[in-house]
C-alpha cells in the first residue's frame, strides 16, 4: 500500500496525512512541510512550526541534562559554522537559558539539521527518536498525489451514487468538470501555495478556503457565462459535501 511505502500514518483518528521520517539521515526533502510530533523515549512534543519544534526539543534536552553556558556556546552547526546559541538577541532568536538566545532563524531543512545536531550533542541515539511531519501536496511524491486523487474521485463517485439521484452520466459530468477545474484553474489560483490540488486535500477547512477562492476566480473570469458558473459551483459543492463526511 502507498501508506506503507511512504510511511504515511493517520494519527489519533486524524484525516491529515503524516509522514514518519527517518531522522538518522541528513534530509533535504523538507520544503513545504511542517512538523507535527517528536517522540524521544517517554517524552512527546507536538508543534506545527519548525522553529517551535526546535525550541521545545532544545528546552527538553537541557532540562533532562543541563549544560553550562560555556557548553551551550560551544555548540556549532557543521554547515556554515554558525553557533546554535548566542549572547546576542538577533532576528528570530529566542531567549533560552543562562541569558543566552537560541537561533531559530532557519529554513525547515536547517531546523531539522539543528535538531539532529542537538540530539547528538546530548548523546541521544537518533534511531531511538521518532519524527512525524506533514507535507503539503507540492512536497508529496507524484505516486502519492496520483493515489489520493484516484481515491478521492472513486470515493466521491460512490458518495454521489448513494446520496443523490444523479445518473451515472451526470456524476461523470461533474467529476470531469472538477478535473478540469483542478488542471486548468488551480495552478493559476494557487500558484504560490503548497496546496494546489483539490483532490488531495486532507483538512476540511483548507478545502473550504480553496473552494471560496476558486469560486471568486470563476465568478470574475466567467462573469458573462451563468451556466458555466452554476455548474462549477454545483461541482465544488458536491466535493464539499463529500469532504465534509470524510475529513476531520
Foldseek 3Di string as FASTA:
>chain_A
DVCVVFQWDQPPVALATKHKDQLVDQDDQCPQKFWAWKDAPVDIDGDGHLLVVLQVLLQVLCVVPNDDPVLQQPQAQPPPRHRQKALDDDPCWAQDPPSITGHSPDDSSVSSSVSVSSCVSSPRPSVNMIIMMGHQQLSDDPVVVVVQLVVQLVLLLVVCVPPHPDDNVRSVVLSVLLVCCLVPPQCVQQVPHSHRGLRNDQALVVLVVVLVSSLVVCCVVVVVPPPSSVSNNVSSVSSSVSCVVPHD
